[in-house]
Amino acid sequence: MADTSHQHHHRHHHRHSAGYRIRRWLRKNKKLAIGSAVICIAALAAGGTFLHQERAAQSVMHVTAGNSVDMKSGYRRITYQGKEYQYNSLITTILYAGIDSEGEMKASNAYSNKARADSISLVILDKKHQRMRILALNRDTMTDIRRYSRSGSDMGTYVSHLGYAYSYGDGGEVSCEDLREAVSNLLGGIPVNEYAVTNRSSMTYINDLVGGITLTVPNNDLADQYPELKEGSTVTLDDTTIEPYLRYRDTTKDFSNEGRIERQQTYVTAYIEKLKAQLQKDLNGTWEKTQDMSEFLQTSITRNKYITLANLLEQVSFSDADYYRPKGQDQLGELHDEFYVDEAALQQLIIELFYEEI
């Protein structure tokens, strides 16, 4: 999308620190790592891999997370509703984004005009409580994101769609880091430890990594076009069925996205169970298989980090009840639908997912 098409959404500007500029320069000159089986969990757990989430119009005011939270020491210790909380330091967070593009993913010298992040979620691995949870974020969430000129000059942060945090960067590490920053700020400054970004070309690789997934189809959304995918059927998804199963929705029907989310969550739950078994059997071999999709993957996860995360994954529990989506409302924007989080509900969710009462 053209750079000028986003101008309507830029409402606020904040000064940018010298420290961040230095970190960004370092990031631009550091080679990206590739691959991780844990990435595939995130990639499939986004609450909708590579989705287009058209939404109905409703009106609500926008505020930012953390406005009514008393920050004692950054995100580490906070006061909320008269109670003291501390951040659970045994949590590891992995940001996943599914980018609306195909083919090789690589940075360019020209900033902006990059594909949008269609699917965004945070995988939360809690070593202390031995559980895994997934926070799916609406790509149309209106929040602070960083913007650049075409030549890469930092223009500060503006309120726009969360999915554009990737678009305004270089299509490489800067884009990934800016999306990581936007998600962290949206969630009150909690750390986003790692990130993994893929595009549509990775979908069959992710499915093939575990040899395909066998599951029971939960609804009839695909029955007309794919009779083998009717409700109640037990199927093994392959290269021909994985994309329609995860992406298809009938845009002529209201609320058709709900059926798609139902299918995706069924897939993710089955995938994680199978991946756990595979990691126990062949940790190194699984890593090697991820290299096949390196052209369609951008990640901060190194091989050493992969081993740590894979071992952690084997320890945590996960079920359908471990999906979370921030509450909020939609309204029509000048160019795209806009989603505004329910600030009170978001703060409560942040406390539930990341904090413990002192």
Protein backbone atom coordinates (compact mmCIF):
# COMPACT_ATOMS: atom_id res chain seq x y z
CA MET A 1 0.00 0.00 0.00
CA ALA A 2 1.31 3.45 -0.84
CA ASP A 3 3.04 5.34 1.92
CA THR A 4 0.66 8.30 1.69
CA SER A 5 -2.40 6.11 2.24
CA HIS A 6 -1.73 5.86 5.98
CA GLN A 7 -1.58 9.58 6.71
CA HIS A 8 -5.12 9.75 8.11
CA HIS A 9 -4.23 7.48 11.01
CA HIS A 10 -1.22 9.37 12.32
CA ARG A 11 -2.55 11.39 15.21
CA HIS A 12 0.20 11.61 17.77
CA HIS A 13 3.97 12.07 17.63
CA HIS A 14 6.47 11.29 20.38
CA ARG A 15 10.15 12.12 20.57
CA HIS A 16 12.45 9.20 19.92
CA SER A 17 15.35 8.40 22.28
CA ALA A 18 18.98 8.29 21.16
CA GLY A 19 19.31 4.90 22.82
CA TYR A 20 16.68 3.40 20.57
CA ARG A 21 18.38 4.84 17.46
CA ILE A 22 21.64 3.19 18.52
CA ARG A 23 19.90 -0.12 19.13
CA ARG A 24 18.18 0.09 15.76
CA TRP A 25 21.54 0.72 14.02
CA LEU A 26 22.98 -2.33 15.76
CA ARG A 27 19.99 -4.44 14.75
CA LYS A 28 20.31 -3.40 11.11
CA ASN A 29 23.89 -4.63 11.10
CA LYS A 30 23.33 -7.94 12.83
CA LYS A 31 22.55 -11.07 10.86
CA LEU A 32 19.15 -12.59 11.52
CA ALA A 33 18.98 -16.08 12.98
CA ILE A 34 16.76 -18.64 11.29
CA GLY A 35 14.36 -21.35 12.26
CA SER A 36 12.75 -22.81 15.34
CA ALA A 37 10.10 -25.43 15.85
CA VAL A 38 8.64 -23.19 18.53
CA ILE A 39 8.13 -20.60 15.81
CA CYS A 40 5.70 -22.93 14.16
CA ILE A 41 3.64 -23.05 17.32
CA ALA A 42 3.45 -19.29 17.28
CA ALA A 43 2.78 -19.21 13.57
CA LEU A 44 -0.24 -21.42 13.93
CA ALA A 45 -1.46 -19.94 17.18
CA ALA A 46 -2.04 -16.44 16.00
CA GLY A 47 -5.80 -16.60 16.47
CA GLY A 48 -5.92 -16.68 12.66
CA THR A 49 -2.89 -17.37 10.51
CA PHE A 50 -2.62 -14.94 7.57
CA LEU A 51 -6.16 -13.69 8.09
CA HIS A 52 -8.21 -10.88 6.68
CA GLN A 53 -10.43 -9.86 9.59
CA GLU A 54 -13.20 -7.59 8.29
CA ARG A 55 -15.25 -6.34 11.22
CA ALA A 56 -18.56 -4.60 11.95
CA ALA A 57 -18.57 -0.90 12.86
CA GLN A 58 -19.08 0.23 16.44
CA SER A 59 -17.94 3.33 18.32
CA VAL A 60 -15.70 3.51 21.37
CA MET A 61 -13.00 5.85 22.68
CA HIS A 62 -9.34 4.85 22.64
CA VAL A 63 -6.93 4.95 25.56
CA THR A 64 -3.55 3.32 25.99
CA ALA A 65 -2.66 0.45 28.30
CA GLY A 66 -1.07 1.45 31.56
CA ASN A 67 -2.68 4.89 31.92
CA SER A 68 -4.34 3.97 35.21
CA VAL A 69 -1.53 1.73 36.43
CA ASP A 70 1.04 3.11 38.85
CA MET A 71 4.43 1.95 37.55
CA LYS A 72 6.82 1.44 40.47
CA SER A 73 9.85 0.21 38.53
CA GLY A 74 8.92 0.08 34.88
CA TYR A 75 6.87 -2.99 34.10
CA ARG A 76 8.48 -5.04 36.90
CA ARG A 77 6.39 -3.77 39.76
CA ILE A 78 3.04 -2.02 39.49
CA THR A 79 0.10 -0.94 41.60
CA TYR A 80 -3.32 -1.73 40.18
CA GLN A 81 -6.63 -1.09 41.95
CA GLY A 82 -4.84 -0.60 45.25
CA LYS A 83 -2.85 -3.83 45.10
CA GLU A 84 0.87 -4.42 44.47
CA TYR A 85 1.96 -6.73 41.66
CA GLN A 86 5.29 -7.96 40.35
CA TYR A 87 6.08 -9.30 36.89
CA ASN A 88 6.52 -13.07 36.64
CA SER A 89 10.18 -13.22 35.63
CA LEU A 90 9.89 -16.89 34.66
CA ILE A 91 7.73 -16.02 31.65
CA THR A 92 9.18 -16.14 28.13
CA THR A 93 7.20 -14.36 25.41
CA ILE A 94 7.44 -15.04 21.67
CA LEU A 95 5.78 -12.64 19.23
CA TYR A 96 4.44 -14.17 16.04
CA ALA A 97 3.28 -12.27 12.97
CA GLY A 98 1.94 -13.65 9.71
CA ILE A 99 2.70 -11.19 6.92
CA ASP A 100 0.38 -10.78 3.93
CA SER A 101 2.98 -11.58 1.27
CA GLU A 102 4.46 -14.48 -0.65
CA GLY A 103 7.97 -15.38 -1.69
CA GLU A 104 11.30 -14.52 -0.10
CA MET A 105 11.22 -12.18 2.88
CA LYS A 106 14.13 -9.72 2.88
CA ALA A 107 14.97 -6.17 3.89
CA SER A 108 15.30 -3.31 1.43
CA ASN A 109 16.90 0.13 1.57
CA ALA A 110 13.56 1.82 0.91
CA TYR A 111 11.34 1.95 3.99
CA SER A 112 7.51 1.72 4.09
CA ASN A 113 5.24 0.21 1.44
CA LYS A 114 5.85 -3.24 2.95
CA ALA A 115 3.20 -5.91 3.48
CA ARG A 116 1.00 -5.65 6.54
CA ALA A 117 1.01 -8.05 9.46
CA ASP A 118 -2.35 -9.82 9.07
CA SER A 119 -1.99 -12.09 12.07
CA ILE A 120 -0.34 -11.09 15.35
CA SER A 121 -0.13 -13.02 18.59
CA LEU A 122 2.00 -13.50 21.66
CA VAL A 123 2.95 -16.98 22.84
CA ILE A 124 3.43 -16.95 26.63
CA LEU A 125 5.56 -19.74 28.10
CA ASP A 126 5.29 -19.72 31.90
CA LYS A 127 7.98 -21.91 33.45
CA LYS A 128 6.86 -21.17 37.01
CA HIS A 129 3.32 -22.46 36.52
CA GLN A 130 4.25 -24.87 33.69
CA ARG A 131 1.65 -23.58 31.29
CA MET A 132 1.49 -22.02 27.85
CA ARG A 133 -1.02 -19.39 26.79
CA ILE A 134 -1.65 -17.50 23.58
CA LEU A 135 -2.76 -13.88 23.34
CA ALA A 136 -4.16 -13.15 19.87
CA LEU A 137 -4.10 -9.48 18.89
CA ASN A 138 -6.32 -7.85 16.31
CA ARG A 139 -4.22 -6.44 13.46
CA ASP A 140 -6.55 -3.39 13.33
CA THR A 141 -5.88 -2.41 16.95
CA MET A 142 -5.27 1.34 17.07
CA THR A 143 -2.09 1.94 19.03
CA ASP A 144 1.29 3.70 18.93
CA ILE A 145 3.53 2.46 16.12
CA ARG A 146 6.81 3.78 14.76
CA ARG A 147 6.98 5.41 11.35
CA TYR A 148 9.85 6.22 8.98
CA SER A 149 10.45 8.29 5.91
CA ARG A 150 11.17 6.44 2.68
CA SER A 151 14.90 6.90 3.30
CA GLY A 152 14.66 5.43 6.82
CA SER A 153 14.62 8.58 8.95
CA ASP A 154 12.78 7.97 12.21
CA MET A 155 9.60 10.07 12.39
CA GLY A 156 8.54 9.00 15.87
CA THR A 157 5.39 7.17 16.89
CA TYR A 158 1.83 7.72 15.73
CA VAL A 159 -1.52 6.10 16.42
CA SER A 160 -2.34 3.70 13.62
CA HIS A 161 -3.21 0.05 13.01
CA LEU A 162 -0.98 -2.43 14.83
CA GLY A 163 -0.43 -4.39 11.60
CA TYR A 164 1.26 -1.38 10.00
CA ALA A 165 4.06 -1.46 12.59
CA TYR A 166 5.72 -3.95 10.25
CA SER A 167 4.76 -2.12 7.03
CA TYR A 168 6.54 1.14 7.80
CA GLY A 169 9.94 -0.48 8.33
CA ASP A 170 12.44 -2.04 5.94
CA GLY A 171 10.67 -5.36 5.47
CA GLY A 172 13.40 -6.98 7.56
CA GLU A 173 14.73 -6.71 11.07
CA VAL A 174 13.68 -3.10 11.58
CA SER A 175 10.09 -4.02 10.71
CA CYS A 176 10.20 -6.97 13.11
CA GLU A 177 11.63 -4.91 15.94
CA ASP A 178 9.11 -2.13 15.42
CA LEU A 179 6.26 -4.61 15.64
CA ARG A 180 7.83 -6.02 18.80
CA GLU A 181 8.02 -2.50 20.26
CA ALA A 182 4.38 -1.75 19.38
CA VAL A 183 3.11 -4.95 21.02
CA SER A 184 5.18 -4.33 24.15
CA ASN A 185 3.86 -0.78 24.48
CA LEU A 186 0.28 -1.92 23.88
CA LEU A 187 0.67 -4.37 26.77
CA GLY A 188 1.97 -1.84 29.27
CA GLY A 189 5.67 -2.27 28.54
CA ILE A 190 6.00 -5.99 29.27
CA PRO A 191 9.06 -7.50 27.54
CA VAL A 192 8.68 -9.35 24.25
CA ASN A 193 11.63 -11.71 24.44
CA GLU A 194 11.67 -13.20 20.94
CA TYR A 195 9.90 -12.79 17.63
CA ALA A 196 9.12 -14.93 14.62
CA VAL A 197 7.63 -13.55 11.42
CA THR A 198 6.55 -15.64 8.43
CA ASN A 199 4.46 -15.12 5.33
CA ARG A 200 1.95 -17.19 3.36
CA SER A 201 4.69 -19.18 1.62
CA SER A 202 5.60 -20.83 4.93
CA MET A 203 2.22 -22.46 5.52
CA THR A 204 2.87 -25.84 3.88
CA TYR A 205 6.35 -26.01 5.46
CA ILE A 206 4.85 -25.51 8.91
CA ASN A 207 2.34 -28.30 8.30
CA ASP A 208 4.96 -30.63 6.82
CA LEU A 209 7.28 -30.06 9.79
CA VAL A 210 5.20 -32.49 11.83
CA GLY A 211 4.07 -34.64 8.90
CA GLY A 212 0.62 -33.10 8.65
CA ILE A 213 -2.11 -32.85 11.24
CA THR A 214 -5.03 -35.22 11.75
CA LEU A 215 -8.10 -33.66 13.33
CA THR A 216 -11.89 -33.63 13.43
CA VAL A 217 -13.42 -30.78 11.41
CA PRO A 218 -15.49 -28.64 13.81
CA ASN A 219 -17.92 -26.99 11.36
CA ASN A 220 -19.33 -27.08 7.83
CA ASP A 221 -17.80 -23.87 6.49
CA LEU A 222 -15.75 -25.79 3.90
CA ALA A 223 -18.24 -28.53 3.05
CA ASP A 224 -19.49 -27.07 -0.25
CA GLN A 225 -16.05 -26.61 -1.81
CA TYR A 226 -14.27 -29.43 0.02
CA PRO A 227 -16.72 -32.30 0.76
CA GLU A 228 -13.99 -34.18 2.60
CA LEU A 229 -13.83 -31.29 5.10
CA LYS A 230 -17.42 -31.45 6.31
CA GLU A 231 -18.24 -31.20 10.00
CA GLY A 232 -17.37 -34.30 12.00
CA SER A 233 -14.98 -35.71 9.40
CA THR A 234 -11.58 -36.91 10.56
CA VAL A 235 -8.96 -35.70 8.09
CA THR A 236 -5.20 -35.38 7.73
CA LEU A 237 -4.44 -31.94 6.30
CA ASP A 238 -1.87 -31.86 3.48
CA ASP A 239 -0.45 -29.29 1.06
CA THR A 240 -3.77 -29.02 -0.81
CA THR A 241 -6.04 -28.57 2.20
CA ILE A 242 -3.96 -26.73 4.80
CA GLU A 243 -4.48 -23.25 3.33
CA PRO A 244 -8.26 -23.41 2.86
CA TYR A 245 -8.66 -24.99 6.28
CA LEU A 246 -6.78 -22.15 7.99
CA ARG A 247 -7.68 -19.19 5.76
CA TYR A 248 -11.08 -19.65 4.13
CA ARG A 249 -14.11 -17.67 5.22
CA ASP A 250 -17.30 -16.72 3.38
CA THR A 251 -17.16 -12.92 3.32
CA THR A 252 -20.81 -12.73 2.27
CA LYS A 253 -21.89 -14.12 5.64
CA ASP A 254 -21.91 -12.21 8.91
CA PHE A 255 -19.57 -13.48 11.64
CA SER A 256 -17.98 -16.05 9.33
CA ASN A 257 -14.65 -15.32 11.00
CA GLU A 258 -15.85 -17.12 14.13
CA GLY A 259 -16.02 -20.42 12.25
CA ARG A 260 -12.56 -19.87 10.88
CA ILE A 261 -11.16 -19.17 14.34
CA GLU A 262 -12.81 -22.38 15.55
CA ARG A 263 -11.00 -24.36 12.83
CA GLN A 264 -7.67 -22.70 13.56
CA GLN A 265 -7.83 -23.34 17.28
CA THR A 266 -8.60 -27.00 16.63
CA TYR A 267 -5.54 -27.13 14.38
CA VAL A 268 -3.23 -25.39 16.86
CA THR A 269 -4.20 -27.65 19.73
CA ALA A 270 -3.53 -30.76 17.63
CA TYR A 271 -0.30 -29.28 16.27
CA ILE A 272 1.19 -28.52 19.66
CA GLU A 273 0.48 -32.02 20.91
CA LYS A 274 2.18 -33.57 17.87
CA LEU A 275 5.10 -31.16 17.97
CA LYS A 276 5.80 -31.96 21.61
CA ALA A 277 6.07 -35.66 20.75
CA GLN A 278 8.34 -34.93 17.80
CA LEU A 279 10.69 -32.72 19.85
CA GLN A 280 11.08 -35.47 22.43
CA LYS A 281 11.96 -37.91 19.67
CA ASP A 282 14.20 -35.77 17.46
CA LEU A 283 15.13 -32.32 18.78
CA ASN A 284 18.02 -31.69 16.37
CA GLY A 285 16.26 -33.14 13.34
CA THR A 286 13.29 -30.85 13.88
CA TRP A 287 15.62 -27.86 13.91
CA GLU A 288 17.22 -28.95 10.65
CA LYS A 289 13.82 -29.24 8.97
CA THR A 290 13.04 -25.61 9.79
CA GLN A 291 15.90 -24.53 7.53
CA ASP A 292 13.77 -25.43 4.50
CA MET A 293 11.57 -22.41 5.22
CA SER A 294 14.35 -19.93 5.99
CA GLU A 295 13.45 -17.71 3.01
CA PHE A 296 9.99 -17.23 4.46
CA LEU A 297 11.04 -16.64 8.06
CA GLN A 298 12.47 -13.75 10.06
CA THR A 299 13.29 -14.46 13.71
CA SER A 300 15.43 -13.53 16.68
CA ILE A 301 15.60 -17.18 17.79
CA THR A 302 19.04 -18.76 17.53
CA ARG A 303 19.77 -22.47 17.71
CA ASN A 304 20.73 -22.22 21.38
CA LYS A 305 17.53 -20.36 22.17
CA TYR A 306 15.59 -22.93 20.19
CA ILE A 307 16.91 -25.73 22.39
CA THR A 308 15.95 -23.82 25.54
CA LEU A 309 12.49 -23.04 24.22
CA ALA A 310 11.91 -26.57 22.96
CA ASN A 311 12.79 -27.99 26.36
CA LEU A 312 10.46 -25.48 28.00
CA LEU A 313 7.67 -26.42 25.62
CA GLU A 314 7.87 -30.02 26.73
CA GLN A 315 7.21 -28.91 30.32
CA VAL A 316 4.14 -26.73 29.79
CA SER A 317 0.49 -27.66 29.45
CA PHE A 318 -1.81 -26.19 26.80
CA SER A 319 -5.48 -26.60 25.88
CA ASP A 320 -8.31 -24.79 24.07
CA ALA A 321 -8.94 -22.79 27.25
CA ASP A 322 -5.52 -21.13 26.94
CA TYR A 323 -6.46 -18.77 24.08
CA TYR A 324 -7.07 -15.12 24.93
CA ARG A 325 -8.23 -12.14 22.87
CA PRO A 326 -8.45 -8.59 24.24
CA LYS A 327 -11.98 -7.27 24.43
CA GLY A 328 -12.85 -4.18 22.48
CA GLN A 329 -15.00 -2.66 19.79
CA ASP A 330 -14.70 -1.82 16.11
CA GLN A 331 -15.51 1.26 14.13
CA LEU A 332 -15.21 2.24 10.50
CA GLY A 333 -12.03 4.12 9.61
CA GLU A 334 -11.41 6.30 6.58
CA LEU A 335 -9.49 3.52 4.85
CA HIS A 336 -9.71 0.44 7.09
CA ASP A 337 -11.71 -0.87 10.02
CA GLU A 338 -10.32 0.17 13.40
CA PHE A 339 -10.34 -1.87 16.62
CA TYR A 340 -10.21 -0.14 20.00
CA VAL A 341 -9.34 -2.18 23.05
CA ASP A 342 -11.43 -2.06 26.19
CA GLU A 343 -8.85 -0.43 28.43
CA ALA A 344 -10.17 -1.72 31.75
CA ALA A 345 -10.48 -5.28 30.42
CA LEU A 346 -7.00 -5.13 28.86
CA GLN A 347 -5.39 -4.08 32.12
CA GLN A 348 -7.11 -6.92 33.95
CA LEU A 349 -5.91 -9.34 31.26
CA ILE A 350 -2.33 -8.06 31.53
CA ILE A 351 -2.43 -8.66 35.28
CA GLU A 352 -3.82 -12.16 34.79
CA LEU A 353 -1.28 -13.21 32.17
CA PHE A 354 1.93 -11.59 33.38
CA TYR A 355 1.75 -10.58 37.04
CA GLU A 356 1.48 -11.96 40.56
CA GLU A 357 0.19 -10.14 43.60
CA ILE A 358 2.87 -9.31 46.15
